C-alpha atoms as a PDB file:
ATOM      1  CA  MET A   1     -52.510 118.438 167.316  1.00  0.00           C
ATOM      2  CA  ILE A   2     -50.213 119.961 164.126  1.00  0.00           C
ATOM      3  CA  SER A   3     -52.239 121.587 161.341  1.00  0.00           C
ATOM      4  CA  PRO A   4     -51.030 120.760 158.288  1.00  0.00           C
ATOM      5  CA  ILE A   5     -52.709 123.675 156.670  1.00  0.00           C
ATOM      6  CA  THR A   6     -50.855 126.199 159.430  1.00  0.00           C
ATOM      7  CA  GLY A   7     -48.387 124.069 160.985  1.00  0.00           C
ATOM      8  CA  ASP A   8     -49.704 125.713 163.864  1.00  0.00           C
ATOM      9  CA  PHE A   9     -51.691 123.795 166.401  1.00  0.00           C
ATOM     10  CA  ALA A  10     -55.150 122.625 165.121  1.00  0.00           C
ATOM     11  CA  LYS A  11     -58.296 124.017 166.780  1.00  0.00           C
ATOM     12  CA  SER A  12     -61.449 121.570 166.792  1.00  0.00           C
ATOM     13  CA  ASN A  13     -63.511 124.402 166.377  1.00  0.00           C
ATOM     14  CA  GLU A  14     -62.127 125.928 164.037  1.00  0.00           C
ATOM     15  CA  PRO A  15     -62.396 124.450 159.956  1.00  0.00           C
ATOM     16  CA  THR A  16     -59.665 127.185 158.361  1.00  0.00           C
ATOM     17  CA  THR A  17     -57.107 124.246 160.107  1.00  0.00           C
ATOM     18  CA  TRP A  18     -58.730 121.218 159.403  1.00  0.00           C
ATOM     19  CA  SER A  19     -57.785 119.510 156.076  1.00  0.00           C
ATOM     20  CA  ASP A  20     -58.490 115.981 153.714  1.00  0.00           C
ATOM     21  CA  PHE A  21     -56.607 112.884 154.638  1.00  0.00           C
ATOM     22  CA  ASP A  22     -54.043 112.592 151.671  1.00  0.00           C
ATOM     23  CA  THR A  23     -52.911 116.131 152.178  1.00  0.00           C
ATOM     24  CA  ALA A  24     -52.734 115.017 156.502  1.00  0.00           C
ATOM     25  CA  LEU A  25     -50.808 112.533 155.488  1.00  0.00           C
ATOM     26  CA  ARG A  26     -48.662 113.769 153.320  1.00  0.00           C
ATOM     27  CA  TYR A  27     -47.937 116.818 155.712  1.00  0.00           C
ATOM     28  CA  ALA A  28     -47.447 113.960 158.927  1.00  0.00           C
ATOM     29  CA  GLN A  29     -45.049 111.773 156.328  1.00  0.00           C
ATOM     30  CA  THR A  30     -42.251 114.976 155.339  1.00  0.00           C
ATOM     31  CA  HIS A  31     -43.014 116.105 159.064  1.00  0.00           C
ATOM     32  CA  GLY A  32     -42.385 113.062 161.112  1.00  0.00           C
ATOM     33  CA  GLN A  33     -45.497 113.073 162.555  1.00  0.00           C
ATOM     34  CA  ASP A  34     -46.944 110.038 164.698  1.00  0.00           C
ATOM     35  CA  GLY A  35     -49.667 110.210 163.384  1.00  0.00           C
ATOM     36  CA  LEU A  36     -53.047 111.324 161.233  1.00  0.00           C
ATOM     37  CA  SER A  37     -56.381 112.595 163.817  1.00  0.00           C
ATOM     38  CA  PHE A  38     -59.550 112.982 162.575  1.00  0.00           C
ATOM     39  CA  VAL A  39     -62.294 115.531 163.530  1.00  0.00           C
ATOM     40  CA  LEU A  40     -65.876 114.711 164.842  1.00  0.00           C
ATOM     41  CA  THR A  41     -68.454 116.908 163.088  1.00  0.00           C
ATOM     42  CA  SER A  42     -72.078 116.541 162.532  1.00  0.00           C
ATOM     43  CA  GLY A  43     -72.961 113.328 161.523  1.00  0.00           C
ATOM     44  CA  ILE A  44     -70.302 110.274 162.943  1.00  0.00           C
ATOM     45  CA  VAL A  45     -69.854 109.762 166.896  1.00  0.00           C
ATOM     46  CA  PHE A  46     -66.957 108.912 168.678  1.00  0.00           C
ATOM     47  CA  VAL A  47     -66.958 106.397 171.649  1.00  0.00           C
ATOM     48  CA  ASP A  48     -63.495 105.971 173.633  1.00  0.00           C
ATOM     49  CA  ILE A  49     -63.773 103.331 176.113  1.00  0.00           C
ATOM     50  CA  ASP A  50     -60.119 103.431 178.061  1.00  0.00           C
ATOM     51  CA  GLU A  51     -58.140 100.702 180.074  1.00  0.00           C
ATOM     52  CA  VAL A  52     -60.639  98.053 179.359  1.00  0.00           C
ATOM     53  CA  ASP A  53     -58.954  95.104 180.984  1.00  0.00           C
ATOM     54  CA  GLU A  54     -58.001  96.992 184.230  1.00  0.00           C
ATOM     55  CA  LYS A  55     -61.502  97.877 185.876  1.00  0.00           C
ATOM     56  CA  PRO A  56     -62.634  96.388 188.595  1.00  0.00           C
ATOM     57  CA  ASP A  57     -65.228  93.548 186.824  1.00  0.00           C
ATOM     58  CA  ILE A  58     -68.176  95.184 187.233  1.00  0.00           C
ATOM     59  CA  VAL A  59     -67.297  98.120 185.685  1.00  0.00           C
ATOM     60  CA  LYS A  60     -66.287  96.113 183.529  1.00  0.00           C
ATOM     61  CA  GLU A  61     -68.662  93.697 182.519  1.00  0.00           C
ATOM     62  CA  LYS A  62     -70.358  96.935 181.798  1.00  0.00           C
ATOM     63  CA  THR A  63     -68.272  98.097 179.366  1.00  0.00           C
ATOM     64  CA  ILE A  64     -68.345  94.756 177.216  1.00  0.00           C
ATOM     65  CA  GLU A  65     -72.212  94.656 177.347  1.00  0.00           C
ATOM     66  CA  LEU A  66     -71.795  98.337 175.413  1.00  0.00           C
ATOM     67  CA  ALA A  67     -69.011  97.190 173.459  1.00  0.00           C
ATOM     68  CA  SER A  68     -71.275  93.924 172.324  1.00  0.00           C
ATOM     69  CA  ARG A  69     -74.240  96.302 170.787  1.00  0.00           C
ATOM     70  CA  LEU A  70     -72.049  98.696 168.866  1.00  0.00           C
ATOM     71  CA  ASP A  71     -71.616  96.741 165.751  1.00  0.00           C
ATOM     72  CA  THR A  72     -69.512  99.127 163.827  1.00  0.00           C
ATOM     73  CA  TYR A  73     -65.732 100.269 163.019  1.00  0.00           C
ATOM     74  CA  CYS A  74     -63.600  99.486 166.671  1.00  0.00           C
ATOM     75  CA  GLU A  75     -59.750 100.379 166.867  1.00  0.00           C
ATOM     76  CA  THR A  76     -56.907 100.018 170.082  1.00  0.00           C
ATOM     77  CA  SER A  77     -56.280 103.312 170.880  1.00  0.00           C
ATOM     78  CA  VAL A  78     -53.063 105.086 171.178  1.00  0.00           C
ATOM     79  CA  SER A  79     -52.296 103.352 174.328  1.00  0.00           C
ATOM     80  CA  GLY A  80     -53.381 100.239 173.543  1.00  0.00           C
ATOM     81  CA  LYS A  81     -55.426  99.483 176.224  1.00  0.00           C
ATOM     82  CA  GLY A  82     -58.639 101.236 175.431  1.00  0.00           C
ATOM     83  CA  LEU A  83     -61.085 100.948 172.405  1.00  0.00           C
ATOM     84  CA  HIS A  84     -62.485 103.668 169.610  1.00  0.00           C
ATOM     85  CA  PHE A  85     -65.769 103.100 167.877  1.00  0.00           C
ATOM     86  CA  LEU A  86     -67.143 105.248 165.009  1.00  0.00           C
ATOM     87  CA  CYS A  87     -70.462 105.198 164.205  1.00  0.00           C
ATOM     88  CA  TYR A  88     -73.046 107.171 161.882  1.00  0.00           C
ATOM     89  CA  GLY A  89     -75.455 109.072 164.368  1.00  0.00           C
ATOM     90  CA  LYS A  90     -76.770 112.318 166.028  1.00  0.00           C
ATOM     91  CA  LEU A  91     -75.900 112.661 170.509  1.00  0.00           C
ATOM     92  CA  PRO A  92     -79.049 113.415 172.156  1.00  0.00           C
ATOM     93  CA  GLU A  93     -79.434 117.256 172.713  1.00  0.00           C
ATOM     94  CA  ASN A  94     -77.388 118.395 175.733  1.00  0.00           C
ATOM     95  CA  ALA A  95     -76.464 114.844 175.957  1.00  0.00           C
ATOM     96  CA  ARG A  96     -74.043 113.983 178.869  1.00  0.00           C
ATOM     97  CA  LYS A  97     -69.754 112.932 177.281  1.00  0.00           C
ATOM     98  CA  LYS A  98     -68.381 111.528 180.307  1.00  0.00           C
ATOM     99  CA  ASN A  99     -68.780 109.242 183.098  1.00  0.00           C
ATOM    100  CA  ASP A 100     -64.869 108.705 184.480  1.00  0.00           C
ATOM    101  CA  THR A 101     -66.231 105.552 186.497  1.00  0.00           C
ATOM    102  CA  PHE A 102     -67.132 103.062 183.396  1.00  0.00           C
ATOM    103  CA  GLY A 103     -63.298 105.303 182.029  1.00  0.00           C
ATOM    104  CA  LEU A 104     -66.613 106.239 178.695  1.00  0.00           C
ATOM    105  CA  GLU A 105     -66.630 109.381 176.721  1.00  0.00           C
ATOM    106  CA  MET A 106     -69.217 110.184 174.144  1.00  0.00           C
ATOM    107  CA  TYR A 107     -69.125 113.277 171.370  1.00  0.00           C
ATOM    108  CA  ASP A 108     -69.952 113.968 167.961  1.00  0.00           C
ATOM    109  CA  THR A 109     -68.600 117.580 167.220  1.00  0.00           C
ATOM    110  CA  LYS A 110     -65.988 120.011 167.958  1.00  0.00           C
ATOM    111  CA  ARG A 111     -62.980 116.789 168.664  1.00  0.00           C
ATOM    112  CA  PHE A 112     -59.945 114.980 168.040  1.00  0.00           C
ATOM    113  CA  VAL A 113     -59.888 111.570 167.226  1.00  0.00           C
ATOM    114  CA  CYS A 114     -56.696 109.963 166.659  1.00  0.00           C
ATOM    115  CA  MET A 115     -56.630 107.269 164.869  1.00  0.00           C
ATOM    116  CA  THR A 116     -54.592 104.450 165.039  1.00  0.00           C
ATOM    117  CA  GLY A 117     -55.947 102.357 162.320  1.00  0.00           C
ATOM    118  CA  ASN A 118     -55.659  98.747 164.426  1.00  0.00           C
ATOM    119  CA  ILE A 119     -58.844  97.516 163.656  1.00  0.00           C
ATOM    120  CA  VAL A 120     -60.803  94.765 165.991  1.00  0.00           C
ATOM    121  CA  GLY A 121     -63.245  92.511 164.916  1.00  0.00           C
ATOM    122  CA  GLU A 122     -63.954  91.395 161.569  1.00  0.00           C
ATOM    123  CA  THR A 123     -66.129  94.861 161.014  1.00  0.00           C
ATOM    124  CA  THR A 124     -64.163  97.606 159.487  1.00  0.00           C
ATOM    125  CA  GLU A 125     -67.284  99.978 157.865  1.00  0.00           C
ATOM    126  CA  VAL A 126     -68.228 103.016 159.685  1.00  0.00           C
ATOM    127  CA  LYS A 127     -72.331 101.801 160.516  1.00  0.00           C
ATOM    128  CA  ASP A 128     -74.935 104.071 161.138  1.00  0.00           C
ATOM    129  CA  LEU A 129     -76.321 102.953 164.739  1.00  0.00           C
ATOM    130  CA  SER A 130     -78.964 106.140 164.656  1.00  0.00           C
ATOM    131  CA  ASP A 131     -81.413 103.840 165.960  1.00  0.00           C
ATOM    132  CA  ILE A 132     -79.349 102.771 168.986  1.00  0.00           C
ATOM    133  CA  ILE A 133     -76.416 105.178 170.232  1.00  0.00           C
ATOM    134  CA  GLY A 134     -78.945 108.217 171.486  1.00  0.00           C
ATOM    135  CA  GLU A 135     -80.577 105.302 173.908  1.00  0.00           C
ATOM    136  CA  LEU A 136     -76.475 103.363 174.451  1.00  0.00           C
ATOM    137  CA  ASN A 137     -75.980 107.274 175.571  1.00  0.00           C
ATOM    138  CA  GLU A 138     -78.317 108.183 177.878  1.00  0.00           C
ATOM    139  CA  THR A 139     -77.976 103.813 178.631  1.00  0.00           C
ATOM    140  CA  TYR A 140     -74.389 104.645 180.278  1.00  0.00           C
ATOM    141  CA  LEU A 141     -73.976 107.965 180.472  1.00  0.00           C
ATOM    142  CA  GLY A 142     -76.910 109.172 181.892  1.00  0.00           C
ATOM    143  CA  LYS A 143     -80.027 111.511 180.321  1.00  0.00           C
ATOM    144  CA  PRO A 144     -78.897 114.804 178.938  1.00  0.00           C
ATOM    145  CA  ILE A 145     -78.498 117.373 181.098  1.00  0.00           C
ATOM    146  CA  GLU A 146     -81.388 120.055 181.473  1.00  0.00           C
ATOM    147  CA  TYR A 147     -80.857 123.958 181.204  1.00  0.00           C
ATOM    148  CA  LYS A 148     -82.527 126.051 182.436  1.00  0.00           C
ATOM    149  CA  PRO A 149     -82.750 129.867 182.065  1.00  0.00           C
ATOM    150  CA  ILE A 150     -80.775 131.454 184.945  1.00  0.00           C
ATOM    151  CA  ALA A 151     -80.612 135.413 185.529  1.00  0.00           C
ATOM    152  CA  ARG A 152     -77.442 136.529 185.944  1.00  0.00           C
ATOM    153  CA  THR A 153     -76.779 139.317 189.030  1.00  0.00           C
ATOM    154  CA  PRO A 154     -74.274 141.058 189.445  1.00  0.00           C
ATOM    155  CA  ALA A 155     -71.676 140.360 192.071  1.00  0.00           C
ATOM    156  CA  THR A 156     -72.536 142.198 195.710  1.00  0.00           C
ATOM    157  CA  MET A 157     -69.051 141.029 197.052  1.00  0.00           C
ATOM    158  CA  SER A 158     -65.240 142.075 196.373  1.00  0.00           C
ATOM    159  CA  ASP A 159     -64.086 138.447 195.350  1.00  0.00           C
ATOM    160  CA  ARG A 160     -61.638 138.560 198.187  1.00  0.00           C
ATOM    161  CA  GLU A 161     -64.776 139.016 200.505  1.00  0.00           C
ATOM    162  CA  LEU A 162     -66.116 136.075 198.755  1.00  0.00           C
ATOM    163  CA  VAL A 163     -64.035 134.386 198.838  1.00  0.00           C
ATOM    164  CA  GLU A 164     -63.600 134.585 202.583  1.00  0.00           C
ATOM    165  CA  ARG A 165     -67.146 133.596 202.904  1.00  0.00           C
ATOM    166  CA  ILE A 166     -66.641 130.944 201.304  1.00  0.00           C
ATOM    167  CA  ARG A 167     -63.739 129.503 203.310  1.00  0.00           C
ATOM    168  CA  SER A 168     -65.708 130.282 206.715  1.00  0.00           C
ATOM    169  CA  SER A 169     -69.184 127.966 205.317  1.00  0.00           C
ATOM    170  CA  ARG A 170     -69.627 124.470 205.543  1.00  0.00           C
ATOM    171  CA  GLN A 171     -67.408 124.070 201.818  1.00  0.00           C
ATOM    172  CA  GLY A 172     -64.522 125.226 203.463  1.00  0.00           C
ATOM    173  CA  THR A 173     -62.488 122.818 203.560  1.00  0.00           C
ATOM    174  CA  LYS A 174     -63.190 121.288 200.247  1.00  0.00           C
ATOM    175  CA  PHE A 175     -62.996 124.922 198.113  1.00  0.00           C
ATOM    176  CA  ASP A 176     -59.476 125.680 200.067  1.00  0.00           C
ATOM    177  CA  ARG A 177     -58.360 122.503 198.762  1.00  0.00           C
ATOM    178  CA  LEU A 178     -59.347 123.216 195.665  1.00  0.00           C
ATOM    179  CA  PHE A 179     -58.244 127.081 195.379  1.00  0.00           C
ATOM    180  CA  ARG A 180     -54.949 125.811 196.421  1.00  0.00           C
ATOM    181  CA  GLY A 181     -55.328 122.974 192.885  1.00  0.00           C
ATOM    182  CA  ASP A 182     -55.126 120.302 195.168  1.00  0.00           C
ATOM    183  CA  TRP A 183     -56.945 117.512 193.733  1.00  0.00           C
ATOM    184  CA  GLN A 184     -55.303 114.417 192.908  1.00  0.00           C
ATOM    185  CA  GLY A 185     -56.305 111.797 195.075  1.00  0.00           C
ATOM    186  CA  SER A 186     -59.506 113.381 194.510  1.00  0.00           C
ATOM    187  CA  TYR A 187     -60.734 113.517 191.301  1.00  0.00           C
ATOM    188  CA  ASP A 188     -60.270 111.644 188.375  1.00  0.00           C
ATOM    189  CA  THR A 189     -58.798 114.391 186.289  1.00  0.00           C
ATOM    190  CA  GLN A 190     -58.647 118.134 187.013  1.00  0.00           C
ATOM    191  CA  SER A 191     -61.047 118.540 184.289  1.00  0.00           C
ATOM    192  CA  SER A 192     -63.337 117.071 186.965  1.00  0.00           C
ATOM    193  CA  ALA A 193     -61.947 119.152 189.707  1.00  0.00           C
ATOM    194  CA  ASP A 194     -62.169 122.180 187.759  1.00  0.00           C
ATOM    195  CA  PHE A 195     -65.774 121.929 187.691  1.00  0.00           C
ATOM    196  CA  ALA A 196     -66.421 121.459 190.867  1.00  0.00           C
ATOM    197  CA  LEU A 197     -64.622 124.734 191.735  1.00  0.00           C
ATOM    198  CA  ALA A 198     -67.181 126.323 189.001  1.00  0.00           C
ATOM    199  CA  SER A 199     -70.001 124.870 191.245  1.00  0.00           C
ATOM    200  CA  ILE A 200     -69.113 125.995 194.520  1.00  0.00           C
ATOM    201  CA  LEU A 201     -68.352 129.278 193.505  1.00  0.00           C
ATOM    202  CA  ALA A 202     -71.380 129.351 191.043  1.00  0.00           C
ATOM    203  CA  TYR A 203     -73.532 128.826 194.832  1.00  0.00           C
ATOM    204  CA  TRP A 204     -72.448 131.768 195.703  1.00  0.00           C
ATOM    205  CA  THR A 205     -72.674 133.966 193.230  1.00  0.00           C
ATOM    206  CA  GLN A 206     -74.350 134.304 190.086  1.00  0.00           C
ATOM    207  CA  ASP A 207     -71.299 136.512 188.171  1.00  0.00           C
ATOM    208  CA  GLU A 208     -69.434 134.715 185.666  1.00  0.00           C
ATOM    209  CA  SER A 209     -67.165 137.288 185.420  1.00  0.00           C
ATOM    210  CA  GLN A 210     -66.063 137.082 188.870  1.00  0.00           C
ATOM    211  CA  ILE A 211     -66.629 133.181 189.126  1.00  0.00           C
ATOM    212  CA  ASP A 212     -64.056 133.477 186.069  1.00  0.00           C
ATOM    213  CA  SER A 213     -61.890 136.067 188.228  1.00  0.00           C
ATOM    214  CA  ILE A 214     -61.683 134.148 190.732  1.00  0.00           C
ATOM    215  CA  PHE A 215     -61.189 130.581 188.903  1.00  0.00           C
ATOM    216  CA  ARG A 216     -58.201 131.904 187.264  1.00  0.00           C
ATOM    217  CA  SER A 217     -56.524 133.657 190.937  1.00  0.00           C
ATOM    218  CA  SER A 218     -57.196 129.346 192.062  1.00  0.00           C
ATOM    219  CA  GLY A 219     -54.201 126.490 191.666  1.00  0.00           C
ATOM    220  CA  LEU A 220     -56.625 124.480 189.363  1.00  0.00           C
ATOM    221  CA  TYR A 221     -55.889 128.105 186.535  1.00  0.00           C
ATOM    222  CA  ARG A 222     -54.143 126.334 183.495  1.00  0.00           C
ATOM    223  CA  PRO A 223     -53.764 127.920 179.806  1.00  0.00           C
ATOM    224  CA  LYS A 224     -56.706 125.401 178.968  1.00  0.00           C
ATOM    225  CA  TRP A 225     -59.070 127.568 180.317  1.00  0.00           C
ATOM    226  CA  ASP A 226     -58.224 129.868 177.514  1.00  0.00           C
ATOM    227  CA  ASN A 227     -58.398 127.040 174.792  1.00  0.00           C
ATOM    228  CA  SER A 228     -60.514 128.165 171.551  1.00  0.00           C
ATOM    229  CA  GLY A 229     -60.716 131.600 173.385  1.00  0.00           C
ATOM    230  CA  GLY A 230     -62.213 130.654 176.363  1.00  0.00           C
ATOM    231  CA  TYR A 231     -64.379 128.343 175.295  1.00  0.00           C
ATOM    232  CA  TYR A 232     -63.367 126.330 178.285  1.00  0.00           C
ATOM    233  CA  GLY A 233     -63.676 128.064 180.855  1.00  0.00           C
ATOM    234  CA  ARG A 234     -66.477 129.338 179.826  1.00  0.00           C
ATOM    235  CA  ARG A 235     -68.128 126.335 178.817  1.00  0.00           C
ATOM    236  CA  THR A 236     -67.501 124.626 182.784  1.00  0.00           C
ATOM    237  CA  ILE A 237     -68.496 128.345 183.903  1.00  0.00           C
ATOM    238  CA  ASN A 238     -71.812 128.208 182.448  1.00  0.00           C
ATOM    239  CA  MET A 239     -72.460 123.888 183.215  1.00  0.00           C
ATOM    240  CA  ALA A 240     -71.726 125.122 186.230  1.00  0.00           C
ATOM    241  CA  LEU A 241     -74.285 127.988 186.736  1.00  0.00           C
ATOM    242  CA  SER A 242     -76.805 125.724 184.854  1.00  0.00           C
ATOM    243  CA  VAL A 243     -76.639 122.487 187.104  1.00  0.00           C
ATOM    244  CA  THR A 244     -76.410 124.511 190.603  1.00  0.00           C
ATOM    245  CA  HIS A 245     -80.088 126.518 189.523  1.00  0.00           C
ATOM    246  CA  SER A 246     -81.488 123.593 188.470  1.00  0.00           C
ATOM    247  CA  ARG A 247     -80.621 122.030 192.026  1.00  0.00           C
ATOM    248  CA  ALA A 248     -81.676 124.786 193.456  1.00  0.00           C
ATOM    249  CA  GLU A 249     -85.056 124.477 192.502  1.00  0.00           C
ATOM    250  CA  MET A 250     -85.571 120.577 192.935  1.00  0.00           C
END
């Protein structure tokens, strides 16, 4: 996404790179941009359903069921195969954002939405669905993630020693594939593979800097890890540590 203010990449967590609609439209028209994006801020929820017609019937039924309950502004996605919904509301705290099986995502902050203006249905108004959006999020994406305080401990082994220890464990084969960057065919997205590798590392060490160091030496490492000042990488590590810690207490 290009910022009409800076002419450089816009950032979803930096308002100084955003503009009002008229400014963005003028910039897009004079600089040959393909379209406009809308950045989510508090109070608006974005629901993204990918490739509706290409899903298995049982999944298609669930996504159609969800779409029928979203009586608000709806447009086709950029590919023309998916649907975008916008409504007023707020997701539950620590809400889950993605379900790869359904091809479904829900966000309410720090996210760009590529707008097409190709409206679907008769509703052109962004409506207030505050009374149901939280329920829909839990129904289709699951209950919010429970984050518990985690006692971070310093590393007791070097990165090399830890990698060799994991390779010798029952997780070794899975770890080795991920460490090499071999994720296609096993995961729907590379982000899912990122989380899987971080989760394995979080099982073996609770040292955030060590998880980050080992991940950066893996075949999965890419510039996205450092997006927004390292936010993506830190978030992935913290989620892996939180979920792994919660499972250990079950």
